[in-house]
Amino acid sequence: MKLKLITFLLITLAFTSIANAKIQWGTKIMGDLHANTIKGFLYEISHNVNTPAHVILWRPNFAKAIVWLNRVHAKKKVYQLEKSKDKEEAAIITGAIEAIATVVKGRHQHFTTNEEINAALHRWTSMGKQVVVSYSEKTTKDANNNKINVKVNWVFKLKIKKTKNLIERW
């Protein structure tokens, strides 16, 4: 049974073709499962450490990349990550795919056993389904000194599931 689960996850995470997929990485097509795994992975790595670099740089940039991923994935046109005009967002998504592939292949130092790999993939996919993300930029010009100001508003969190007796966070 475990071998079948591992085989299934490896096949699906190898980005097999899916009819409604809209993002292509190399020759592989991304489906909903892959997008959710990427979102969960980015959430986990950006929220496990609360240093200023993570909070100030990583989280808003990851939020922006996930908003882009959601938007592009919902369109009918197939986007190739390598040829995307949105270089920053595509680079973040590509980096996440490469990191997840390293884990799946058993080449990551923290995920060495099949149980650890399967648990991580399941956790990331489950988390990715719960990710709530938004990102916007507003540019204004200061009338006094003609300085351009950019205000960034972003949200990158998980939905909270309400259960009968408690509120649990994935």
N, C-alpha and C. Protein backbone atom coordinates (compact mmCIF):
# COMPACT_ATOMS: atom_id res chain seq x y z
N MET A 1 0.83 -1.20 0.00
CA MET A 1 0.00 0.00 0.00
C MET A 1 0.87 1.27 0.00
N LYS A 2 1.91 1.25 0.84
CA LYS A 2 2.79 2.42 0.91
C LYS A 2 3.48 2.66 -0.43
N LEU A 3 3.91 1.57 -1.06
CA LEU A 3 4.59 1.68 -2.34
C LEU A 3 3.66 2.28 -3.39
N LYS A 4 2.38 1.88 -3.36
CA LYS A 4 1.41 2.43 -4.30
C LYS A 4 1.21 3.92 -4.07
N LEU A 5 1.14 4.34 -2.80
CA LEU A 5 0.97 5.76 -2.48
C LEU A 5 2.18 6.56 -2.95
N ILE A 6 3.36 6.03 -2.69
CA ILE A 6 4.59 6.71 -3.10
C ILE A 6 4.63 6.83 -4.62
N THR A 7 4.31 5.74 -5.30
CA THR A 7 4.31 5.75 -6.77
C THR A 7 3.32 6.77 -7.30
N PHE A 8 2.12 6.79 -6.71
CA PHE A 8 1.09 7.74 -7.14
C PHE A 8 1.57 9.18 -6.96
N LEU A 9 2.14 9.49 -5.80
CA LEU A 9 2.61 10.85 -5.54
C LEU A 9 3.75 11.23 -6.47
N LEU A 10 4.66 10.30 -6.71
CA LEU A 10 5.77 10.59 -7.62
C LEU A 10 5.28 10.86 -9.03
N ILE A 11 4.32 10.08 -9.45
CA ILE A 11 3.77 10.27 -10.80
C ILE A 11 3.05 11.61 -10.90
N THR A 12 2.22 11.91 -9.91
CA THR A 12 1.46 13.18 -9.99
C THR A 12 2.38 14.37 -9.82
N LEU A 13 3.38 14.24 -8.97
CA LEU A 13 4.29 15.37 -8.78
C LEU A 13 5.34 15.46 -9.88
N ALA A 14 5.35 14.50 -10.76
CA ALA A 14 6.23 14.59 -11.93
C ALA A 14 5.55 15.43 -13.01
N PHE A 15 4.45 16.07 -12.65
CA PHE A 15 3.72 16.98 -13.52
C PHE A 15 3.23 16.31 -14.79
N THR A 16 2.44 15.26 -14.60
CA THR A 16 1.82 14.61 -15.74
C THR A 16 0.77 15.54 -16.33
N SER A 17 0.43 15.30 -17.57
CA SER A 17 -0.52 16.17 -18.26
C SER A 17 -1.92 16.05 -17.67
N ILE A 18 -2.53 17.18 -17.48
CA ILE A 18 -3.89 17.26 -16.98
C ILE A 18 -4.63 18.21 -17.92
N ALA A 19 -5.82 17.84 -18.32
CA ALA A 19 -6.55 18.58 -19.35
C ALA A 19 -6.78 20.04 -19.01
N ASN A 20 -7.05 20.37 -17.75
CA ASN A 20 -7.37 21.76 -17.42
C ASN A 20 -6.16 22.54 -16.92
N ALA A 21 -4.98 22.02 -17.04
CA ALA A 21 -3.79 22.69 -16.55
C ALA A 21 -3.42 23.87 -17.43
N LYS A 22 -2.84 24.90 -16.82
CA LYS A 22 -2.53 26.11 -17.55
C LYS A 22 -1.08 26.56 -17.45
N ILE A 23 -0.27 25.88 -16.64
CA ILE A 23 1.12 26.29 -16.48
C ILE A 23 2.01 25.12 -16.87
N GLN A 24 3.03 25.44 -17.64
CA GLN A 24 3.95 24.42 -18.10
C GLN A 24 5.33 24.73 -17.57
N TRP A 25 6.01 23.71 -17.05
CA TRP A 25 7.38 23.82 -16.57
C TRP A 25 8.19 22.80 -17.35
N GLY A 26 9.03 23.26 -18.25
CA GLY A 26 9.71 22.34 -19.16
C GLY A 26 8.67 21.71 -20.07
N THR A 27 8.60 20.40 -20.05
CA THR A 27 7.59 19.70 -20.86
C THR A 27 6.42 19.24 -20.00
N LYS A 28 6.43 19.54 -18.72
CA LYS A 28 5.41 19.05 -17.79
C LYS A 28 4.33 20.11 -17.56
N ILE A 29 3.10 19.62 -17.42
CA ILE A 29 1.94 20.49 -17.20
C ILE A 29 1.53 20.43 -15.73
N MET A 30 1.19 21.57 -15.17
CA MET A 30 0.81 21.66 -13.77
C MET A 30 -0.71 21.59 -13.60
N GLY A 31 -1.14 20.78 -12.65
CA GLY A 31 -2.56 20.67 -12.32
C GLY A 31 -2.84 21.30 -10.96
N ASP A 32 -4.07 21.17 -10.49
CA ASP A 32 -4.49 21.76 -9.22
C ASP A 32 -3.69 21.18 -8.04
N LEU A 33 -3.46 19.89 -8.06
CA LEU A 33 -2.69 19.24 -6.99
C LEU A 33 -1.31 19.87 -6.88
N HIS A 34 -0.68 20.09 -8.01
CA HIS A 34 0.66 20.69 -8.02
C HIS A 34 0.63 22.12 -7.49
N ALA A 35 -0.36 22.89 -7.95
CA ALA A 35 -0.47 24.29 -7.49
C ALA A 35 -0.68 24.34 -5.98
N ASN A 36 -1.52 23.46 -5.46
CA ASN A 36 -1.74 23.44 -4.00
C ASN A 36 -0.48 23.04 -3.25
N THR A 37 0.26 22.07 -3.78
CA THR A 37 1.51 21.66 -3.14
C THR A 37 2.51 22.82 -3.11
N ILE A 38 2.61 23.54 -4.19
CA ILE A 38 3.51 24.70 -4.25
C ILE A 38 3.09 25.77 -3.25
N LYS A 39 1.80 26.05 -3.20
CA LYS A 39 1.31 27.07 -2.25
C LYS A 39 1.60 26.67 -0.81
N GLY A 40 1.35 25.41 -0.48
CA GLY A 40 1.62 24.93 0.87
C GLY A 40 3.10 24.95 1.21
N PHE A 41 3.93 24.58 0.24
CA PHE A 41 5.38 24.61 0.43
C PHE A 41 5.85 26.04 0.71
N LEU A 42 5.40 26.98 -0.11
CA LEU A 42 5.81 28.38 0.08
C LEU A 42 5.31 28.92 1.41
N TYR A 43 4.10 28.53 1.80
CA TYR A 43 3.59 28.97 3.10
C TYR A 43 4.49 28.44 4.21
N GLU A 44 4.78 27.15 4.18
CA GLU A 44 5.56 26.56 5.26
C GLU A 44 6.94 27.18 5.38
N ILE A 45 7.65 27.35 4.26
CA ILE A 45 9.01 27.89 4.38
C ILE A 45 9.02 29.37 4.75
N SER A 46 7.96 30.08 4.43
CA SER A 46 7.95 31.51 4.77
C SER A 46 7.41 31.78 6.17
N HIS A 47 6.71 30.81 6.76
CA HIS A 47 6.13 31.03 8.09
C HIS A 47 6.82 30.23 9.20
N ASN A 48 7.80 29.42 8.88
CA ASN A 48 8.50 28.66 9.92
C ASN A 48 9.53 29.50 10.66
N VAL A 49 9.95 30.58 10.07
CA VAL A 49 10.94 31.46 10.69
C VAL A 49 10.38 32.87 10.70
N ASN A 50 10.48 33.54 11.83
CA ASN A 50 9.93 34.90 11.94
C ASN A 50 11.01 35.96 12.00
N THR A 51 12.05 35.80 11.21
CA THR A 51 13.07 36.84 11.13
C THR A 51 12.54 37.98 10.27
N PRO A 52 13.09 39.18 10.42
CA PRO A 52 12.63 40.29 9.58
C PRO A 52 12.72 40.00 8.08
N ALA A 53 13.76 39.27 7.65
CA ALA A 53 13.89 38.96 6.23
C ALA A 53 12.71 38.14 5.73
N HIS A 54 12.27 37.19 6.54
CA HIS A 54 11.13 36.36 6.15
C HIS A 54 9.85 37.18 6.10
N VAL A 55 9.63 37.97 7.13
CA VAL A 55 8.38 38.73 7.23
C VAL A 55 8.34 39.86 6.20
N ILE A 56 9.43 40.59 6.05
CA ILE A 56 9.45 41.76 5.19
C ILE A 56 9.66 41.42 3.72
N LEU A 57 10.53 40.46 3.43
CA LEU A 57 10.85 40.15 2.05
C LEU A 57 10.12 38.92 1.51
N TRP A 58 10.28 37.79 2.18
CA TRP A 58 9.77 36.55 1.64
C TRP A 58 8.26 36.51 1.57
N ARG A 59 7.59 36.82 2.65
CA ARG A 59 6.13 36.65 2.67
C ARG A 59 5.41 37.49 1.62
N PRO A 60 5.71 38.79 1.50
CA PRO A 60 5.00 39.54 0.45
C PRO A 60 5.36 39.08 -0.96
N ASN A 61 6.61 38.71 -1.19
CA ASN A 61 7.01 38.23 -2.52
C ASN A 61 6.39 36.88 -2.83
N PHE A 62 6.31 36.01 -1.83
CA PHE A 62 5.64 34.72 -2.03
C PHE A 62 4.15 34.93 -2.25
N ALA A 63 3.55 35.87 -1.52
CA ALA A 63 2.12 36.17 -1.72
C ALA A 63 1.89 36.66 -3.15
N LYS A 64 2.75 37.54 -3.61
CA LYS A 64 2.64 38.06 -4.98
C LYS A 64 2.76 36.93 -6.00
N ALA A 65 3.70 36.02 -5.77
CA ALA A 65 3.91 34.90 -6.68
C ALA A 65 2.70 33.96 -6.68
N ILE A 66 2.10 33.72 -5.53
CA ILE A 66 0.93 32.84 -5.47
C ILE A 66 -0.29 33.50 -6.11
N VAL A 67 -0.46 34.80 -5.94
CA VAL A 67 -1.54 35.50 -6.63
C VAL A 67 -1.35 35.34 -8.14
N TRP A 68 -0.12 35.50 -8.60
CA TRP A 68 0.18 35.32 -10.02
C TRP A 68 -0.11 33.88 -10.45
N LEU A 69 0.34 32.91 -9.65
CA LEU A 69 0.10 31.50 -9.95
C LEU A 69 -1.40 31.21 -10.07
N ASN A 70 -2.19 31.70 -9.12
CA ASN A 70 -3.64 31.50 -9.16
C ASN A 70 -4.26 32.12 -10.42
N ARG A 71 -3.82 33.32 -10.74
CA ARG A 71 -4.37 34.03 -11.91
C ARG A 71 -4.03 33.31 -13.21
N VAL A 72 -2.78 32.94 -13.37
CA VAL A 72 -2.34 32.28 -14.58
C VAL A 72 -2.94 30.88 -14.70
N HIS A 73 -3.02 30.18 -13.59
CA HIS A 73 -3.56 28.82 -13.58
C HIS A 73 -5.04 28.79 -13.95
N ALA A 74 -5.74 29.88 -13.70
CA ALA A 74 -7.18 29.94 -13.99
C ALA A 74 -7.47 30.28 -15.46
N LYS A 75 -6.47 30.73 -16.19
CA LYS A 75 -6.69 31.12 -17.59
C LYS A 75 -6.64 29.91 -18.52
N LYS A 76 -7.17 30.09 -19.72
CA LYS A 76 -7.18 29.01 -20.71
C LYS A 76 -5.84 28.88 -21.43
N LYS A 77 -5.13 29.98 -21.55
CA LYS A 77 -3.83 29.97 -22.23
C LYS A 77 -2.82 29.19 -21.39
N VAL A 78 -1.94 28.44 -22.05
CA VAL A 78 -0.88 27.72 -21.36
C VAL A 78 0.34 28.64 -21.26
N TYR A 79 0.83 28.82 -20.03
CA TYR A 79 1.98 29.67 -19.78
C TYR A 79 3.19 28.80 -19.51
N GLN A 80 4.30 29.11 -20.15
CA GLN A 80 5.55 28.41 -19.87
C GLN A 80 6.33 29.24 -18.86
N LEU A 81 6.65 28.62 -17.73
CA LEU A 81 7.35 29.35 -16.68
C LEU A 81 8.65 29.96 -17.17
N GLU A 82 9.39 29.21 -17.98
CA GLU A 82 10.68 29.68 -18.45
C GLU A 82 10.58 30.92 -19.34
N LYS A 83 9.43 31.10 -19.99
CA LYS A 83 9.26 32.22 -20.93
C LYS A 83 8.34 33.31 -20.39
N SER A 84 8.00 33.24 -19.11
CA SER A 84 7.06 34.20 -18.53
C SER A 84 7.66 35.61 -18.50
N LYS A 85 6.81 36.59 -18.77
CA LYS A 85 7.23 37.99 -18.68
C LYS A 85 7.33 38.43 -17.21
N ASP A 86 6.63 37.72 -16.34
CA ASP A 86 6.66 38.02 -14.90
C ASP A 86 7.81 37.24 -14.27
N LYS A 87 9.02 37.71 -14.49
CA LYS A 87 10.23 36.98 -14.12
C LYS A 87 10.32 36.66 -12.63
N GLU A 88 10.03 37.64 -11.76
CA GLU A 88 10.14 37.41 -10.33
C GLU A 88 9.19 36.33 -9.85
N GLU A 89 7.93 36.44 -10.25
CA GLU A 89 6.93 35.48 -9.81
C GLU A 89 7.24 34.09 -10.35
N ALA A 90 7.59 34.01 -11.64
CA ALA A 90 7.91 32.72 -12.25
C ALA A 90 9.15 32.11 -11.60
N ALA A 91 10.13 32.93 -11.24
CA ALA A 91 11.34 32.42 -10.59
C ALA A 91 11.02 31.83 -9.22
N ILE A 92 10.13 32.46 -8.47
CA ILE A 92 9.75 31.92 -7.16
C ILE A 92 9.03 30.58 -7.32
N ILE A 93 8.10 30.52 -8.27
CA ILE A 93 7.36 29.27 -8.50
C ILE A 93 8.31 28.19 -9.01
N THR A 94 9.20 28.53 -9.92
CA THR A 94 10.18 27.57 -10.43
C THR A 94 11.08 27.06 -9.30
N GLY A 95 11.53 27.97 -8.45
CA GLY A 95 12.36 27.56 -7.30
C GLY A 95 11.62 26.61 -6.38
N ALA A 96 10.33 26.88 -6.16
CA ALA A 96 9.53 25.99 -5.31
C ALA A 96 9.39 24.61 -5.96
N ILE A 97 9.14 24.58 -7.26
CA ILE A 97 9.02 23.30 -7.98
C ILE A 97 10.33 22.51 -7.87
N GLU A 98 11.44 23.18 -8.06
CA GLU A 98 12.73 22.50 -7.98
C GLU A 98 13.01 21.98 -6.58
N ALA A 99 12.64 22.75 -5.56
CA ALA A 99 12.84 22.31 -4.17
C ALA A 99 11.95 21.10 -3.86
N ILE A 100 10.71 21.14 -4.30
CA ILE A 100 9.79 20.02 -4.08
C ILE A 100 10.30 18.79 -4.83
N ALA A 101 10.79 18.96 -6.04
CA ALA A 101 11.34 17.84 -6.81
C ALA A 101 12.54 17.22 -6.09
N THR A 102 13.36 18.03 -5.46
CA THR A 102 14.49 17.53 -4.68
C THR A 102 14.01 16.64 -3.54
N VAL A 103 12.94 17.08 -2.88
CA VAL A 103 12.36 16.28 -1.80
C VAL A 103 11.81 14.97 -2.35
N VAL A 104 11.03 15.04 -3.43
CA VAL A 104 10.41 13.84 -4.02
C VAL A 104 11.47 12.81 -4.43
N LYS A 105 12.59 13.29 -4.93
CA LYS A 105 13.66 12.38 -5.37
C LYS A 105 14.48 11.84 -4.20
N GLY A 106 14.17 12.29 -2.96
CA GLY A 106 14.89 11.81 -1.79
C GLY A 106 16.25 12.43 -1.62
N ARG A 107 16.48 13.59 -2.21
CA ARG A 107 17.80 14.23 -2.17
C ARG A 107 17.87 15.40 -1.17
N HIS A 108 16.84 15.58 -0.36
CA HIS A 108 16.84 16.68 0.62
C HIS A 108 17.26 16.12 1.97
N GLN A 109 18.12 16.83 2.66
CA GLN A 109 18.68 16.33 3.91
C GLN A 109 17.66 16.13 5.02
N HIS A 110 16.55 16.86 5.00
CA HIS A 110 15.55 16.74 6.06
C HIS A 110 14.44 15.75 5.75
N PHE A 111 14.38 15.27 4.53
CA PHE A 111 13.35 14.33 4.11
C PHE A 111 14.03 13.14 3.43
N THR A 112 14.42 12.16 4.23
CA THR A 112 15.21 11.07 3.68
C THR A 112 14.41 9.77 3.53
N THR A 113 13.41 9.56 4.36
CA THR A 113 12.63 8.33 4.26
C THR A 113 11.35 8.58 3.46
N ASN A 114 10.79 7.50 2.93
CA ASN A 114 9.53 7.61 2.19
C ASN A 114 8.42 8.18 3.07
N GLU A 115 8.42 7.81 4.34
CA GLU A 115 7.39 8.33 5.27
C GLU A 115 7.52 9.84 5.43
N GLU A 116 8.76 10.33 5.56
CA GLU A 116 8.97 11.77 5.70
C GLU A 116 8.58 12.51 4.42
N ILE A 117 8.92 11.95 3.29
CA ILE A 117 8.59 12.57 2.00
C ILE A 117 7.08 12.61 1.80
N ASN A 118 6.42 11.48 2.05
CA ASN A 118 4.96 11.43 1.91
C ASN A 118 4.26 12.38 2.87
N ALA A 119 4.75 12.45 4.10
CA ALA A 119 4.15 13.35 5.09
C ALA A 119 4.30 14.80 4.66
N ALA A 120 5.48 15.16 4.13
CA ALA A 120 5.70 16.54 3.68
C ALA A 120 4.79 16.88 2.51
N LEU A 121 4.70 15.99 1.53
CA LEU A 121 3.85 16.24 0.37
C LEU A 121 2.39 16.37 0.77
N HIS A 122 1.94 15.50 1.66
CA HIS A 122 0.56 15.57 2.14
C HIS A 122 0.32 16.88 2.89
N ARG A 123 1.25 17.25 3.75
CA ARG A 123 1.12 18.49 4.54
C ARG A 123 1.07 19.71 3.62
N TRP A 124 1.98 19.77 2.65
CA TRP A 124 2.02 20.92 1.74
C TRP A 124 0.76 21.01 0.90
N THR A 125 0.28 19.87 0.40
CA THR A 125 -0.93 19.88 -0.42
C THR A 125 -2.14 20.29 0.41
N SER A 126 -2.25 19.75 1.61
CA SER A 126 -3.37 20.12 2.50
C SER A 126 -3.31 21.60 2.87
N MET A 127 -2.11 22.07 3.19
CA MET A 127 -1.94 23.48 3.54
C MET A 127 -2.25 24.37 2.35
N GLY A 128 -1.78 23.96 1.18
CA GLY A 128 -1.99 24.76 -0.03
C GLY A 128 -3.46 24.99 -0.33
N LYS A 129 -4.30 24.02 -0.02
CA LYS A 129 -5.74 24.18 -0.21
C LYS A 129 -6.32 25.22 0.74
N GLN A 130 -5.63 25.48 1.84
CA GLN A 130 -6.12 26.41 2.86
C GLN A 130 -5.50 27.81 2.76
N VAL A 131 -4.56 27.99 1.84
CA VAL A 131 -3.87 29.29 1.73
C VAL A 131 -4.82 30.37 1.25
N VAL A 132 -4.80 31.48 1.96
CA VAL A 132 -5.53 32.69 1.57
C VAL A 132 -4.46 33.73 1.26
N VAL A 133 -4.54 34.29 0.06
CA VAL A 133 -3.49 35.20 -0.36
C VAL A 133 -4.08 36.36 -1.16
N SER A 134 -3.51 37.53 -0.95
CA SER A 134 -3.84 38.69 -1.78
C SER A 134 -2.60 39.57 -1.83
N TYR A 135 -2.50 40.36 -2.88
CA TYR A 135 -1.35 41.25 -3.05
C TYR A 135 -1.77 42.39 -3.94
N SER A 136 -1.47 43.61 -3.50
CA SER A 136 -1.75 44.77 -4.34
C SER A 136 -0.70 45.85 -4.06
N GLU A 137 -0.45 46.65 -5.09
CA GLU A 137 0.47 47.78 -4.97
C GLU A 137 -0.25 49.03 -5.41
N LYS A 138 -0.06 50.10 -4.65
CA LYS A 138 -0.66 51.39 -5.02
C LYS A 138 0.48 52.41 -5.08
N THR A 139 0.61 53.02 -6.24
CA THR A 139 1.65 54.01 -6.46
C THR A 139 1.06 55.41 -6.36
N THR A 140 1.68 56.24 -5.55
CA THR A 140 1.25 57.63 -5.41
C THR A 140 2.45 58.54 -5.59
N LYS A 141 2.16 59.78 -5.94
CA LYS A 141 3.22 60.77 -6.12
C LYS A 141 3.02 61.85 -5.07
N ASP A 142 4.07 62.12 -4.30
CA ASP A 142 4.03 63.15 -3.28
C ASP A 142 4.04 64.52 -3.96
N ALA A 143 3.03 65.33 -3.69
CA ALA A 143 2.89 66.63 -4.34
C ALA A 143 4.00 67.60 -3.92
N ASN A 144 4.52 67.44 -2.73
CA ASN A 144 5.53 68.37 -2.23
C ASN A 144 6.91 68.17 -2.85
N ASN A 145 7.31 66.92 -3.03
CA ASN A 145 8.67 66.68 -3.52
C ASN A 145 8.73 65.77 -4.76
N ASN A 146 7.59 65.49 -5.37
CA ASN A 146 7.48 64.64 -6.56
C ASN A 146 8.05 63.23 -6.37
N LYS A 147 8.16 62.80 -5.12
CA LYS A 147 8.66 61.47 -4.83
C LYS A 147 7.56 60.44 -5.07
N ILE A 148 7.91 59.34 -5.70
CA ILE A 148 6.96 58.27 -5.97
C ILE A 148 6.97 57.31 -4.77
N ASN A 149 5.81 57.04 -4.24
CA ASN A 149 5.66 56.12 -3.11
C ASN A 149 4.86 54.92 -3.56
N VAL A 150 5.30 53.74 -3.14
CA VAL A 150 4.58 52.51 -3.45
C VAL A 150 4.14 51.89 -2.14
N LYS A 151 2.84 51.72 -2.00
CA LYS A 151 2.29 51.08 -0.81
C LYS A 151 1.86 49.67 -1.22
N VAL A 152 2.38 48.69 -0.49
CA VAL A 152 2.07 47.30 -0.77
C VAL A 152 1.15 46.76 0.31
N ASN A 153 0.05 46.18 -0.10
CA ASN A 153 -0.87 45.50 0.81
C ASN A 153 -0.88 44.02 0.44
N TRP A 154 -0.68 43.18 1.43
CA TRP A 154 -0.66 41.75 1.14
C TRP A 154 -1.21 40.96 2.32
N VAL A 155 -1.73 39.80 2.00
CA VAL A 155 -2.21 38.83 2.99
C VAL A 155 -1.67 37.48 2.56
N PHE A 156 -1.13 36.73 3.50
CA PHE A 156 -0.63 35.39 3.23
C PHE A 156 -0.85 34.58 4.50
N LYS A 157 -1.96 33.87 4.54
CA LYS A 157 -2.32 33.14 5.75
C LYS A 157 -3.08 31.87 5.37
N LEU A 158 -3.44 31.11 6.38
CA LEU A 158 -4.25 29.91 6.18
C LEU A 158 -5.67 30.17 6.65
N LYS A 159 -6.64 29.55 5.97
CA LYS A 159 -8.01 29.59 6.44
C LYS A 159 -8.06 28.85 7.77
N ILE A 160 -8.88 29.34 8.64
CA ILE A 160 -9.08 28.63 9.90
C ILE A 160 -10.34 27.80 9.77
N LYS A 161 -10.20 26.50 10.04
CA LYS A 161 -11.34 25.60 9.98
C LYS A 161 -12.01 25.57 11.33
N LYS A 162 -13.30 25.80 11.34
CA LYS A 162 -14.04 25.71 12.59
C LYS A 162 -14.57 24.28 12.72
N THR A 163 -14.33 23.70 13.86
CA THR A 163 -14.86 22.38 14.14
C THR A 163 -15.84 22.48 15.30
N LYS A 164 -16.44 21.38 15.66
CA LYS A 164 -17.44 21.37 16.71
C LYS A 164 -16.91 21.91 18.04
N ASN A 165 -15.76 21.43 18.48
CA ASN A 165 -15.27 21.77 19.80
C ASN A 165 -14.11 22.75 19.82
N LEU A 166 -13.47 22.96 18.69
CA LEU A 166 -12.32 23.86 18.70
C LEU A 166 -12.07 24.42 17.31
N ILE A 167 -11.21 25.39 17.28
CA ILE A 167 -10.77 25.93 16.01
C ILE A 167 -9.38 25.37 15.79
N GLU A 168 -9.20 24.69 14.68
CA GLU A 168 -7.89 24.12 14.40
C GLU A 168 -7.27 24.82 13.20
N ARG A 169 -6.00 24.96 13.25
CA ARG A 169 -5.26 25.57 12.15
C ARG A 169 -4.42 24.51 11.50
N TRP A 170 -4.51 24.41 10.19
CA TRP A 170 -3.74 23.39 9.48
C TRP A 170 -2.29 23.73 9.55
